[in-house]
PDB file of N, CA and C in Angstrom:
ATOM      1  N   UNK A   1       3.685 -10.189  10.568  1.00  0.00           N
ATOM      2  CA  UNK A   1       2.873 -10.566   9.426  1.00  0.00           C
ATOM      3  C   UNK A   1       3.727 -10.460   8.188  1.00  0.00           C
ATOM      4  N   UNK A   2       3.517 -11.322   7.249  1.00  0.00           N
ATOM      5  CA  UNK A   2       4.301 -11.338   6.031  1.00  0.00           C
ATOM      6  C   UNK A   2       3.881 -10.297   5.018  1.00  0.00           C
ATOM      7  N   UNK A   3       4.565 -10.323   3.900  1.00  0.00           N
ATOM      8  CA  UNK A   3       4.298  -9.403   2.812  1.00  0.00           C
ATOM      9  C   UNK A   3       3.241  -9.994   1.900  1.00  0.00           C
ATOM     10  N   UNK A   4       2.388  -9.126   1.370  1.00  0.00           N
ATOM     11  CA  UNK A   4       1.332  -9.573   0.468  1.00  0.00           C
ATOM     12  C   UNK A   4       1.124  -8.520  -0.600  1.00  0.00           C
ATOM     13  N   UNK A   5       0.235  -8.777  -1.506  1.00  0.00           N
ATOM     14  CA  UNK A   5      -0.124  -7.775  -2.503  1.00  0.00           C
ATOM     15  C   UNK A   5      -1.613  -7.885  -2.785  1.00  0.00           C
ATOM     16  N   UNK A   6      -2.295  -6.766  -2.614  1.00  0.00           N
ATOM     17  CA  UNK A   6      -3.735  -6.726  -2.796  1.00  0.00           C
ATOM     18  C   UNK A   6      -4.123  -5.312  -3.198  1.00  0.00           C
ATOM     19  N   UNK A   7      -4.978  -5.171  -4.200  1.00  0.00           N
ATOM     20  CA  UNK A   7      -5.424  -3.849  -4.629  1.00  0.00           C
ATOM     21  C   UNK A   7      -6.247  -3.176  -3.544  1.00  0.00           C
ATOM     22  N   UNK A   8      -6.021  -1.876  -3.381  1.00  0.00           N
ATOM     23  CA  UNK A   8      -6.804  -1.061  -2.462  1.00  0.00           C
ATOM     24  C   UNK A   8      -7.134   0.250  -3.151  1.00  0.00           C
ATOM     25  N   UNK A   9      -8.215   0.869  -2.725  1.00  0.00           N
ATOM     26  CA  UNK A   9      -8.574   2.193  -3.215  1.00  0.00           C
ATOM     27  C   UNK A   9      -8.055   3.230  -2.243  1.00  0.00           C
ATOM     28  N   UNK A  10      -7.431   4.280  -2.760  1.00  0.00           N
ATOM     29  CA  UNK A  10      -6.867   5.313  -1.899  1.00  0.00           C
ATOM     30  C   UNK A  10      -7.348   6.671  -2.386  1.00  0.00           C
ATOM     31  N   UNK A  11      -7.836   7.481  -1.452  1.00  0.00           N
ATOM     32  CA  UNK A  11      -8.199   8.865  -1.721  1.00  0.00           C
ATOM     33  C   UNK A  11      -7.117   9.738  -1.120  1.00  0.00           C
ATOM     34  N   UNK A  12      -6.602  10.679  -1.936  1.00  0.00           N
ATOM     35  CA  UNK A  12      -5.471  11.507  -1.507  1.00  0.00           C
ATOM     36  C   UNK A  12      -5.826  12.987  -1.499  1.00  0.00           C
ATOM     37  N   UNK A  13      -4.998  13.761  -0.817  1.00  0.00           N
ATOM     38  CA  UNK A  13      -5.085  15.218  -0.880  1.00  0.00           C
ATOM     39  C   UNK A  13      -4.606  15.658  -2.261  1.00  0.00           C
ATOM     40  N   UNK A  14      -4.721  16.929  -2.554  1.00  0.00           N
ATOM     41  CA  UNK A  14      -4.217  17.443  -3.833  1.00  0.00           C
ATOM     42  C   UNK A  14      -2.700  17.308  -3.930  1.00  0.00           C
ATOM     43  N   UNK A  15      -2.027  17.210  -2.790  1.00  0.00           N
ATOM     44  CA  UNK A  15      -0.567  17.022  -2.766  1.00  0.00           C
ATOM     45  C   UNK A  15      -0.179  15.552  -2.885  1.00  0.00           C
ATOM     46  N   UNK A  16      -1.159  14.645  -2.959  1.00  0.00           N
ATOM     47  CA  UNK A  16      -0.866  13.223  -3.127  1.00  0.00           C
ATOM     48  C   UNK A  16      -0.695  12.441  -1.838  1.00  0.00           C
ATOM     49  N   UNK A  17      -1.059  13.019  -0.706  1.00  0.00           N
ATOM     50  CA  UNK A  17      -0.936  12.342   0.588  1.00  0.00           C
ATOM     51  C   UNK A  17      -2.220  11.560   0.862  1.00  0.00           C
ATOM     52  N   UNK A  18      -2.130  10.270   1.177  1.00  0.00           N
ATOM     53  CA  UNK A  18      -3.328   9.468   1.436  1.00  0.00           C
ATOM     54  C   UNK A  18      -4.163   9.996   2.616  1.00  0.00           C
ATOM     55  N   UNK A  19      -5.495  10.033   2.400  1.00  0.00           N
ATOM     56  CA  UNK A  19      -6.458  10.438   3.428  1.00  0.00           C
ATOM     57  C   UNK A  19      -7.344   9.283   3.871  1.00  0.00           C
ATOM     58  N   UNK A  20      -7.790   8.490   2.882  1.00  0.00           N
ATOM     59  CA  UNK A  20      -8.709   7.376   3.130  1.00  0.00           C
ATOM     60  C   UNK A  20      -8.264   6.172   2.326  1.00  0.00           C
ATOM     61  N   UNK A  21      -8.662   5.000   2.829  1.00  0.00           N
ATOM     62  CA  UNK A  21      -8.295   3.740   2.194  1.00  0.00           C
ATOM     63  C   UNK A  21      -9.526   2.843   2.172  1.00  0.00           C
ATOM     64  N   UNK A  22      -9.857   2.309   1.007  1.00  0.00           N
ATOM     65  CA  UNK A  22     -10.941   1.332   0.870  1.00  0.00           C
ATOM     66  C   UNK A  22     -10.306  -0.032   0.665  1.00  0.00           C
ATOM     67  N   UNK A  23     -10.632  -0.954   1.588  1.00  0.00           N
ATOM     68  CA  UNK A  23     -10.019  -2.278   1.565  1.00  0.00           C
ATOM     69  C   UNK A  23     -11.013  -3.292   2.102  1.00  0.00           C
ATOM     70  N   UNK A  24     -11.226  -4.361   1.342  1.00  0.00           N
ATOM     71  CA  UNK A  24     -12.124  -5.449   1.723  1.00  0.00           C
ATOM     72  C   UNK A  24     -13.505  -4.927   2.137  1.00  0.00           C
ATOM     73  N   UNK A  25     -14.067  -4.029   1.320  1.00  0.00           N
ATOM     74  CA  UNK A  25     -15.417  -3.482   1.513  1.00  0.00           C
ATOM     75  C   UNK A  25     -15.551  -2.664   2.789  1.00  0.00           C
ATOM     76  N   UNK A  26     -14.443  -2.132   3.282  1.00  0.00           N
ATOM     77  CA  UNK A  26     -14.453  -1.257   4.458  1.00  0.00           C
ATOM     78  C   UNK A  26     -13.678  -0.001   4.136  1.00  0.00           C
ATOM     79  N   UNK A  27     -14.096   1.105   4.744  1.00  0.00           N
ATOM     80  CA  UNK A  27     -13.386   2.370   4.553  1.00  0.00           C
ATOM     81  C   UNK A  27     -12.638   2.718   5.838  1.00  0.00           C
ATOM     82  N   UNK A  28     -11.356   3.044   5.666  1.00  0.00           N
ATOM     83  CA  UNK A  28     -10.487   3.426   6.770  1.00  0.00           C
ATOM     84  C   UNK A  28     -10.055   4.876   6.568  1.00  0.00           C
ATOM     85  N   UNK A  29      -9.868   5.609   7.657  1.00  0.00           N
ATOM     86  CA  UNK A  29      -9.333   6.962   7.575  1.00  0.00           C
ATOM     87  C   UNK A  29      -7.915   6.955   8.136  1.00  0.00           C
ATOM     88  N   UNK A  30      -7.084   7.794   7.566  1.00  0.00           N
ATOM     89  CA  UNK A  30      -5.707   7.930   8.046  1.00  0.00           C
ATOM     90  C   UNK A  30      -5.770   8.745   9.337  1.00  0.00           C
ATOM     91  N   UNK A  31      -5.254   8.178  10.421  1.00  0.00           N
ATOM     92  CA  UNK A  31      -5.403   8.768  11.753  1.00  0.00           C
ATOM     93  C   UNK A  31      -4.119   9.398  12.287  1.00  0.00           C
ATOM     94  N   UNK A  32      -3.030   9.294  11.559  1.00  0.00           N
ATOM     95  CA  UNK A  32      -1.751   9.892  11.980  1.00  0.00           C
ATOM     96  C   UNK A  32      -0.992  10.307  10.722  1.00  0.00           C
ATOM     97  N   UNK A  33      -0.017  11.161  10.883  1.00  0.00           N
ATOM     98  CA  UNK A  33       0.775  11.631   9.746  1.00  0.00           C
ATOM     99  C   UNK A  33       1.448  10.448   9.047  1.00  0.00           C
ATOM    100  N   UNK A  34       1.159  10.238   7.744  1.00  0.00           N
ATOM    101  CA  UNK A  34       1.783   9.112   7.040  1.00  0.00           C
ATOM    102  C   UNK A  34       3.266   9.368   6.750  1.00  0.00           C
ATOM    103  N   UNK A  35       3.987   8.282   6.533  1.00  0.00           N
ATOM    104  CA  UNK A  35       5.408   8.345   6.193  1.00  0.00           C
ATOM    105  C   UNK A  35       5.592   7.785   4.788  1.00  0.00           C
ATOM    106  N   UNK A  36       6.406   8.458   3.978  1.00  0.00           N
ATOM    107  CA  UNK A  36       6.641   8.016   2.601  1.00  0.00           C
ATOM    108  C   UNK A  36       8.116   7.772   2.366  1.00  0.00           C
ATOM    109  N   UNK A  37       8.394   6.745   1.553  1.00  0.00           N
ATOM    110  CA  UNK A  37       9.761   6.488   1.088  1.00  0.00           C
ATOM    111  C   UNK A  37       9.667   5.826  -0.283  1.00  0.00           C
ATOM    112  N   UNK A  38      10.797   5.680  -0.933  1.00  0.00           N
ATOM    113  CA  UNK A  38      10.855   5.035  -2.242  1.00  0.00           C
ATOM    114  C   UNK A  38      11.671   3.769  -2.123  1.00  0.00           C
ATOM    115  N   UNK A  39      11.256   2.766  -2.868  1.00  0.00           N
ATOM    116  CA  UNK A  39      11.867   1.454  -2.768  1.00  0.00           C
ATOM    117  C   UNK A  39      12.131   0.925  -4.177  1.00  0.00           C
ATOM    118  N   UNK A  40      13.232   0.230  -4.333  1.00  0.00           N
ATOM    119  CA  UNK A  40      13.526  -0.403  -5.618  1.00  0.00           C
ATOM    120  C   UNK A  40      12.566  -1.556  -5.848  1.00  0.00           C
ATOM    121  N   UNK A  41      12.172  -1.748  -7.076  1.00  0.00           N
ATOM    122  CA  UNK A  41      11.339  -2.898  -7.403  1.00  0.00           C
ATOM    123  C   UNK A  41      12.051  -3.762  -8.422  1.00  0.00           C
ATOM    124  N   UNK A  42      11.689  -5.012  -8.475  1.00  0.00           N
ATOM    125  CA  UNK A  42      12.295  -5.950  -9.432  1.00  0.00           C
ATOM    126  C   UNK A  42      11.588  -5.802 -10.775  1.00  0.00           C
ATOM    127  N   UNK A  43      11.842  -4.681 -11.459  1.00  0.00           N
ATOM    128  CA  UNK A  43      11.116  -4.364 -12.683  1.00  0.00           C
ATOM    129  C   UNK A  43      11.332  -5.415 -13.767  1.00  0.00           C
ATOM    130  N   UNK A  44      12.473  -6.075 -13.771  1.00  0.00           N
ATOM    131  CA  UNK A  44      12.781  -7.055 -14.811  1.00  0.00           C
ATOM    132  C   UNK A  44      11.874  -8.283 -14.733  1.00  0.00           C
ATOM    133  N   UNK A  45      11.220  -8.514 -13.586  1.00  0.00           N
ATOM    134  CA  UNK A  45      10.279  -9.636 -13.492  1.00  0.00           C
ATOM    135  C   UNK A  45       8.892  -9.251 -13.990  1.00  0.00           C
ATOM    136  N   UNK A  46       8.646  -7.928 -14.131  1.00  0.00           N
ATOM    137  CA  UNK A  46       7.330  -7.443 -14.544  1.00  0.00           C
ATOM    138  C   UNK A  46       7.331  -6.821 -15.940  1.00  0.00           C
ATOM    139  N   UNK A  47       8.484  -6.364 -16.395  1.00  0.00           N
ATOM    140  CA  UNK A  47       8.604  -5.676 -17.683  1.00  0.00           C
ATOM    141  C   UNK A  47       9.507  -6.495 -18.606  1.00  0.00           C
ATOM    142  N   UNK A  48       9.261  -6.393 -19.902  1.00  0.00           N
ATOM    143  CA  UNK A  48      10.111  -7.101 -20.858  1.00  0.00           C
ATOM    144  C   UNK A  48      11.400  -6.346 -21.145  1.00  0.00           C
ATOM    145  N   UNK A  49      11.313  -5.016 -21.098  1.00  0.00           N
ATOM    146  CA  UNK A  49      12.498  -4.203 -21.328  1.00  0.00           C
ATOM    147  C   UNK A  49      12.286  -2.821 -20.729  1.00  0.00           C
ATOM    148  N   UNK A  50      13.367  -2.135 -20.515  1.00  0.00           N
ATOM    149  CA  UNK A  50      13.309  -0.767 -19.992  1.00  0.00           C
ATOM    150  C   UNK A  50      13.530   0.196 -21.143  1.00  0.00           C
ATOM    151  N   UNK A  51      12.585   1.096 -21.344  1.00  0.00           N
ATOM    152  CA  UNK A  51      12.718   2.085 -22.410  1.00  0.00           C
ATOM    153  C   UNK A  51      13.729   3.147 -22.003  1.00  0.00           C
ATOM    154  N   UNK A  52      14.466   3.655 -22.975  1.00  0.00           N
ATOM    155  CA  UNK A  52      15.445   4.703 -22.704  1.00  0.00           C
ATOM    156  C   UNK A  52      14.724   5.935 -22.146  1.00  0.00           C
ATOM    157  N   UNK A  53      15.288   6.487 -21.080  1.00  0.00           N
ATOM    158  CA  UNK A  53      14.724   7.686 -20.475  1.00  0.00           C
ATOM    159  C   UNK A  53      13.608   7.420 -19.478  1.00  0.00           C
ATOM    160  N   UNK A  54      13.215   6.186 -19.322  1.00  0.00           N
ATOM    161  CA  UNK A  54      12.142   5.847 -18.383  1.00  0.00           C
ATOM    162  C   UNK A  54      12.763   5.303 -17.107  1.00  0.00           C
ATOM    163  N   UNK A  55      12.620   6.018 -16.020  1.00  0.00           N
ATOM    164  CA  UNK A  55      13.193   5.593 -14.745  1.00  0.00           C
ATOM    165  C   UNK A  55      12.185   5.661 -13.625  1.00  0.00           C
ATOM    166  N   UNK A  56      11.649   6.874 -13.324  1.00  0.00           N
ATOM    167  CA  UNK A  56      10.686   6.974 -12.230  1.00  0.00           C
ATOM    168  C   UNK A  56       9.482   6.070 -12.490  1.00  0.00           C
ATOM    169  N   UNK A  57       9.128   5.282 -11.521  1.00  0.00           N
ATOM    170  CA  UNK A  57       8.014   4.357 -11.672  1.00  0.00           C
ATOM    171  C   UNK A  57       8.444   3.003 -12.183  1.00  0.00           C
ATOM    172  N   UNK A  58       9.527   2.956 -12.934  1.00  0.00           N
ATOM    173  CA  UNK A  58      10.029   1.682 -13.426  1.00  0.00           C
ATOM    174  C   UNK A  58      10.991   1.077 -12.399  1.00  0.00           C
ATOM    175  N   UNK A  59      11.922   1.874 -11.940  1.00  0.00           N
ATOM    176  CA  UNK A  59      12.934   1.376 -11.018  1.00  0.00           C
ATOM    177  C   UNK A  59      12.458   1.487  -9.562  1.00  0.00           C
ATOM    178  N   UNK A  60      11.866   2.604  -9.215  1.00  0.00           N
ATOM    179  CA  UNK A  60      11.428   2.841  -7.846  1.00  0.00           C
ATOM    180  C   UNK A  60       9.910   2.889  -7.784  1.00  0.00           C
ATOM    181  N   UNK A  61       9.374   2.560  -6.622  1.00  0.00           N
ATOM    182  CA  UNK A  61       7.961   2.809  -6.386  1.00  0.00           C
ATOM    183  C   UNK A  61       7.796   3.443  -5.022  1.00  0.00           C
ATOM    184  N   UNK A  62       6.713   4.195  -4.907  1.00  0.00           N
ATOM    185  CA  UNK A  62       6.433   4.958  -3.707  1.00  0.00           C
ATOM    186  C   UNK A  62       5.758   4.050  -2.684  1.00  0.00           C
ATOM    187  N   UNK A  63       6.239   4.082  -1.446  1.00  0.00           N
ATOM    188  CA  UNK A  63       5.645   3.286  -0.377  1.00  0.00           C
ATOM    189  C   UNK A  63       5.226   4.241   0.735  1.00  0.00           C
ATOM    190  N   UNK A  64       4.030   4.023   1.262  1.00  0.00           N
ATOM    191  CA  UNK A  64       3.505   4.818   2.364  1.00  0.00           C
ATOM    192  C   UNK A  64       3.218   3.908   3.542  1.00  0.00           C
ATOM    193  N   UNK A  65       3.593   4.341   4.737  1.00  0.00           N
ATOM    194  CA  UNK A  65       3.184   3.655   5.968  1.00  0.00           C
ATOM    195  C   UNK A  65       2.080   4.501   6.582  1.00  0.00           C
ATOM    196  N   UNK A  66       0.925   3.868   6.766  1.00  0.00           N
ATOM    197  CA  UNK A  66      -0.253   4.560   7.276  1.00  0.00           C
ATOM    198  C   UNK A  66      -0.715   3.947   8.583  1.00  0.00           C
ATOM    199  N   UNK A  67      -1.205   4.779   9.475  1.00  0.00           N
ATOM    200  CA  UNK A  67      -1.941   4.304  10.634  1.00  0.00           C
ATOM    201  C   UNK A  67      -3.385   4.691  10.374  1.00  0.00           C
ATOM    202  N   UNK A  68      -4.230   3.673  10.290  1.00  0.00           N
ATOM    203  CA  UNK A  68      -5.624   3.888   9.924  1.00  0.00           C
ATOM    204  C   UNK A  68      -6.546   3.279  10.977  1.00  0.00           C
ATOM    205  N   UNK A  69      -7.814   3.737  10.917  1.00  0.00           N
ATOM    206  CA  UNK A  69      -8.861   3.112  11.726  1.00  0.00           C
ATOM    207  C   UNK A  69     -10.134   3.125  10.898  1.00  0.00           C
ATOM    208  N   UNK A  70     -11.049   2.246  11.235  1.00  0.00           N
ATOM    209  CA  UNK A  70     -12.323   2.211  10.534  1.00  0.00           C
ATOM    210  C   UNK A  70     -12.981   3.579  10.605  1.00  0.00           C
ATOM    211  N   UNK A  71     -13.527   4.032   9.487  1.00  0.00           N
ATOM    212  CA  UNK A  71     -14.076   5.387   9.403  1.00  0.00           C
ATOM    213  C   UNK A  71     -15.225   5.616  10.381  1.00  0.00           C
ATOM    214  N   UNK A  72     -16.086   4.655  10.540  1.00  0.00           N
ATOM    215  CA  UNK A  72     -17.272   4.842  11.384  1.00  0.00           C
ATOM    216  C   UNK A  72     -17.082   4.352  12.812  1.00  0.00           C
ATOM    217  N   UNK A  73     -15.864   4.049  13.183  1.00  0.00           N
ATOM    218  CA  UNK A  73     -15.585   3.558  14.538  1.00  0.00           C
ATOM    219  C   UNK A  73     -14.441   4.380  15.127  1.00  0.00           C
ATOM    220  N   UNK A  74     -14.753   5.541  15.633  1.00  0.00           N
ATOM    221  CA  UNK A  74     -13.733   6.476  16.139  1.00  0.00           C
ATOM    222  C   UNK A  74     -12.875   5.887  17.257  1.00  0.00           C
ATOM    223  N   UNK A  75     -13.404   4.914  18.003  1.00  0.00           N
ATOM    224  CA  UNK A  75     -12.643   4.305  19.095  1.00  0.00           C
ATOM    225  C   UNK A  75     -11.950   3.014  18.675  1.00  0.00           C
ATOM    226  N   UNK A  76     -12.015   2.697  17.378  1.00  0.00           N
ATOM    227  CA  UNK A  76     -11.369   1.474  16.887  1.00  0.00           C
ATOM    228  C   UNK A  76      -9.855   1.596  17.039  1.00  0.00           C
ATOM    229  N   UNK A  77      -9.180   0.482  17.291  1.00  0.00           N
ATOM    230  CA  UNK A  77      -7.716   0.543  17.418  1.00  0.00           C
ATOM    231  C   UNK A  77      -7.064   0.915  16.084  1.00  0.00           C
ATOM    232  N   UNK A  78      -5.886   1.509  16.181  1.00  0.00           N
ATOM    233  CA  UNK A  78      -5.137   1.853  14.975  1.00  0.00           C
ATOM    234  C   UNK A  78      -4.540   0.594  14.353  1.00  0.00           C
ATOM    235  N   UNK A  79      -4.474   0.599  13.057  1.00  0.00           N
ATOM    236  CA  UNK A  79      -3.893  -0.492  12.291  1.00  0.00           C
ATOM    237  C   UNK A  79      -2.793   0.121  11.430  1.00  0.00           C
ATOM    238  N   UNK A  80      -1.606  -0.471  11.427  1.00  0.00           N
ATOM    239  CA  UNK A  80      -0.485   0.052  10.651  1.00  0.00           C
ATOM    240  C   UNK A  80      -0.334  -0.767   9.375  1.00  0.00           C
ATOM    241  N   UNK A  81      -0.370  -0.062   8.238  1.00  0.00           N
ATOM    242  CA  UNK A  81      -0.308  -0.696   6.919  1.00  0.00           C
ATOM    243  C   UNK A  81       0.782  -0.049   6.087  1.00  0.00           C
ATOM    244  N   UNK A  82       1.392  -0.818   5.193  1.00  0.00           N
ATOM    245  CA  UNK A  82       2.253  -0.271   4.156  1.00  0.00           C
ATOM    246  C   UNK A  82       1.524  -0.460   2.834  1.00  0.00           C
ATOM    247  N   UNK A  83       1.450   0.621   2.061  1.00  0.00           N
ATOM    248  CA  UNK A  83       0.836   0.546   0.737  1.00  0.00           C
ATOM    249  C   UNK A  83       1.829   1.068  -0.290  1.00  0.00           C
ATOM    250  N   UNK A  84       1.741   0.528  -1.487  1.00  0.00           N
ATOM    251  CA  UNK A  84       2.641   0.894  -2.569  1.00  0.00           C
ATOM    252  C   UNK A  84       1.842   1.610  -3.643  1.00  0.00           C
ATOM    253  N   UNK A  85       2.411   2.679  -4.170  1.00  0.00           N
ATOM    254  CA  UNK A  85       1.782   3.431  -5.256  1.00  0.00           C
ATOM    255  C   UNK A  85       2.648   3.297  -6.497  1.00  0.00           C
ATOM    256  N   UNK A  86       2.066   2.725  -7.550  1.00  0.00           N
ATOM    257  CA  UNK A  86       2.788   2.612  -8.813  1.00  0.00           C
ATOM    258  C   UNK A  86       2.442   3.837  -9.651  1.00  0.00           C
ATOM    259  N   UNK A  87       3.394   4.726  -9.777  1.00  0.00           N
ATOM    260  CA  UNK A  87       3.176   6.023 -10.388  1.00  0.00           C
ATOM    261  C   UNK A  87       2.693   5.904 -11.831  1.00  0.00           C
ATOM    262  N   UNK A  88       3.273   4.993 -12.614  1.00  0.00           N
ATOM    263  CA  UNK A  88       2.890   4.845 -14.025  1.00  0.00           C
ATOM    264  C   UNK A  88       1.416   4.508 -14.201  1.00  0.00           C
ATOM    265  N   UNK A  89       0.925   3.567 -13.412  1.00  0.00           N
ATOM    266  CA  UNK A  89      -0.448   3.091 -13.569  1.00  0.00           C
ATOM    267  C   UNK A  89      -1.428   3.774 -12.628  1.00  0.00           C
ATOM    268  N   UNK A  90      -0.911   4.414 -11.566  1.00  0.00           N
ATOM    269  CA  UNK A  90      -1.783   5.008 -10.558  1.00  0.00           C
ATOM    270  C   UNK A  90      -2.358   3.983  -9.591  1.00  0.00           C
ATOM    271  N   UNK A  91      -1.927   2.751  -9.714  1.00  0.00           N
ATOM    272  CA  UNK A  91      -2.464   1.647  -8.905  1.00  0.00           C
ATOM    273  C   UNK A  91      -1.874   1.660  -7.498  1.00  0.00           C
ATOM    274  N   UNK A  92      -2.718   1.353  -6.513  1.00  0.00           N
ATOM    275  CA  UNK A  92      -2.307   1.240  -5.117  1.00  0.00           C
ATOM    276  C   UNK A  92      -2.435  -0.206  -4.693  1.00  0.00           C
ATOM    277  N   UNK A  93      -1.435  -0.696  -3.954  1.00  0.00           N
ATOM    278  CA  UNK A  93      -1.428  -2.080  -3.469  1.00  0.00           C
ATOM    279  C   UNK A  93      -1.122  -2.098  -1.984  1.00  0.00           C
ATOM    280  N   UNK A  94      -1.835  -2.920  -1.241  1.00  0.00           N
ATOM    281  CA  UNK A  94      -1.503  -3.184   0.155  1.00  0.00           C
ATOM    282  C   UNK A  94      -0.378  -4.204   0.140  1.00  0.00           C
ATOM    283  N   UNK A  95       0.726  -3.883   0.800  1.00  0.00           N
ATOM    284  CA  UNK A  95       1.860  -4.810   0.775  1.00  0.00           C
ATOM    285  C   UNK A  95       2.219  -5.373   2.147  1.00  0.00           C
ATOM    286  N   UNK A  96       1.748  -4.746   3.234  1.00  0.00           N
ATOM    287  CA  UNK A  96       2.069  -5.283   4.559  1.00  0.00           C
ATOM    288  C   UNK A  96       1.074  -4.772   5.596  1.00  0.00           C
ATOM    289  N   UNK A  97       0.653  -5.689   6.471  1.00  0.00           N
ATOM    290  CA  UNK A  97      -0.139  -5.353   7.647  1.00  0.00           C
ATOM    291  C   UNK A  97       0.771  -5.644   8.831  1.00  0.00           C
ATOM    292  N   UNK A  98       1.008  -4.645   9.671  1.00  0.00           N
ATOM    293  CA  UNK A  98       2.014  -4.785  10.717  1.00  0.00           C
ATOM    294  C   UNK A  98       1.528  -5.331  12.049  1.00  0.00           C
ATOM    295  N   UNK A  99       0.339  -4.955  12.500  1.00  0.00           N
ATOM    296  CA  UNK A  99       0.081  -5.175  13.909  1.00  0.00           C
ATOM    297  C   UNK A  99      -1.294  -5.709  14.291  1.00  0.00           C
ATOM    298  N   UNK A 100      -2.007  -6.320  13.407  1.00  0.00           N
ATOM    299  CA  UNK A 100      -3.306  -6.847  13.803  1.00  0.00           C
ATOM    300  C   UNK A 100      -3.305  -8.364  13.665  1.00  0.00           C
ATOM    301  N   UNK A 101      -3.264  -9.066  14.765  1.00  0.00           N
ATOM    302  CA  UNK A 101      -3.200 -10.526  14.749  1.00  0.00           C
ATOM    303  C   UNK A 101      -4.472 -11.146  14.174  1.00  0.00           C
ATOM    304  N   UNK A 102      -5.631 -10.519  14.378  1.00  0.00           N
ATOM    305  CA  UNK A 102      -6.879 -11.040  13.825  1.00  0.00           C
ATOM    306  C   UNK A 102      -6.875 -11.044  12.308  1.00  0.00           C
ATOM    307  N   UNK A 103      -6.263 -10.034  11.722  1.00  0.00           N
ATOM    308  CA  UNK A 103      -6.182  -9.971  10.267  1.00  0.00           C
ATOM    309  C   UNK A 103      -5.235 -11.015   9.714  1.00  0.00           C
ATOM    310  N   UNK A 104      -4.258 -11.405  10.511  1.00  0.00           N
ATOM    311  CA  UNK A 104      -3.301 -12.403  10.037  1.00  0.00           C
ATOM    312  C   UNK A 104      -4.028 -13.679   9.621  1.00  0.00           C
ATOM    313  N   UNK A 105      -5.030 -14.080  10.372  1.00  0.00           N
ATOM    314  CA  UNK A 105      -5.797 -15.272  10.029  1.00  0.00           C
ATOM    315  C   UNK A 105      -6.557 -15.079   8.716  1.00  0.00           C
ATOM    316  N   UNK A 106      -7.217 -13.929   8.540  1.00  0.00           N
ATOM    317  CA  UNK A 106      -8.027 -13.721   7.342  1.00  0.00           C
ATOM    318  C   UNK A 106      -7.185 -13.511   6.095  1.00  0.00           C
ATOM    319  N   UNK A 107      -5.920 -13.087   6.237  1.00  0.00           N
ATOM    320  CA  UNK A 107      -5.056 -12.833   5.085  1.00  0.00           C
ATOM    321  C   UNK A 107      -4.113 -13.987   4.778  1.00  0.00           C
ATOM    322  N   UNK A 108      -4.220 -15.066   5.524  1.00  0.00           N
ATOM    323  CA  UNK A 108      -3.262 -16.173   5.402  1.00  0.00           C
ATOM    324  C   UNK A 108      -3.165 -16.726   3.986  1.00  0.00           C
ATOM    325  N   UNK A 109      -4.243 -16.733   3.221  1.00  0.00           N
ATOM    326  CA  UNK A 109      -4.214 -17.316   1.888  1.00  0.00           C
ATOM    327  C   UNK A 109      -3.885 -16.354   0.775  1.00  0.00           C
ATOM    328  N   UNK A 110      -3.547 -15.122   1.076  1.00  0.00           N
ATOM    329  CA  UNK A 110      -3.265 -14.110   0.043  1.00  0.00           C
ATOM    330  C   UNK A 110      -1.985 -14.428  -0.695  1.00  0.00           C
ATOM    331  N   UNK A 111      -1.904 -13.971  -1.951  1.00  0.00           N
ATOM    332  CA  UNK A 111      -0.710 -14.158  -2.767  1.00  0.00           C
ATOM    333  C   UNK A 111       0.420 -13.270  -2.243  1.00  0.00           C
ATOM    334  N   UNK A 112       1.589 -13.824  -1.948  1.00  0.00           N
ATOM    335  CA  UNK A 112       2.697 -13.000  -1.455  1.00  0.00           C
ATOM    336  C   UNK A 112       3.264 -12.121  -2.556  1.00  0.00           C
ATOM    337  N   UNK A 113       3.830 -11.006  -2.157  1.00  0.00           N
ATOM    338  CA  UNK A 113       4.485 -10.084  -3.061  1.00  0.00           C
ATOM    339  C   UNK A 113       5.841 -10.665  -3.433  1.00  0.00           C
ATOM    340  N   UNK A 114       6.167 -10.669  -4.711  1.00  0.00           N
ATOM    341  CA  UNK A 114       7.405 -11.283  -5.173  1.00  0.00           C
ATOM    342  C   UNK A 114       8.628 -10.606  -4.587  1.00  0.00           C
ATOM    343  N   UNK A 115       8.614  -9.292  -4.556  1.00  0.00           N
ATOM    344  CA  UNK A 115       9.766  -8.561  -4.026  1.00  0.00           C
ATOM    345  C   UNK A 115       9.280  -7.298  -3.387  1.00  0.00           C
ATOM    346  N   UNK A 116       9.747  -7.016  -2.218  1.00  0.00           N
ATOM    347  CA  UNK A 116       9.305  -5.797  -1.515  1.00  0.00           C
ATOM    348  C   UNK A 116      10.322  -4.702  -1.614  1.00  0.00           C
TER     349      UNK A 116
END
């Protein structure tokens, strides 16, 4: 599945680890230990200039890989998602769906992410 960008709601622990995800009017729970990494973003396509001393959140953004399932369907298959957290704004974006072929059809018309 390709890369996309779509707003999602994320509920986290006090340490900032995702617990739940609200996406397309459905609530998902994180069913396995999430993985986090940082990725460079093409800030120059989104910002007019970089302020002196501003780096975290401007140059890098936090990416989480989650395995989730529908909250009310304990036997539902796991779905692997990558979500991005923009530290400056607090905004969460779904950037990749890895393994659900049925979702590929429903997401086909989504706006692609400019740079991952």
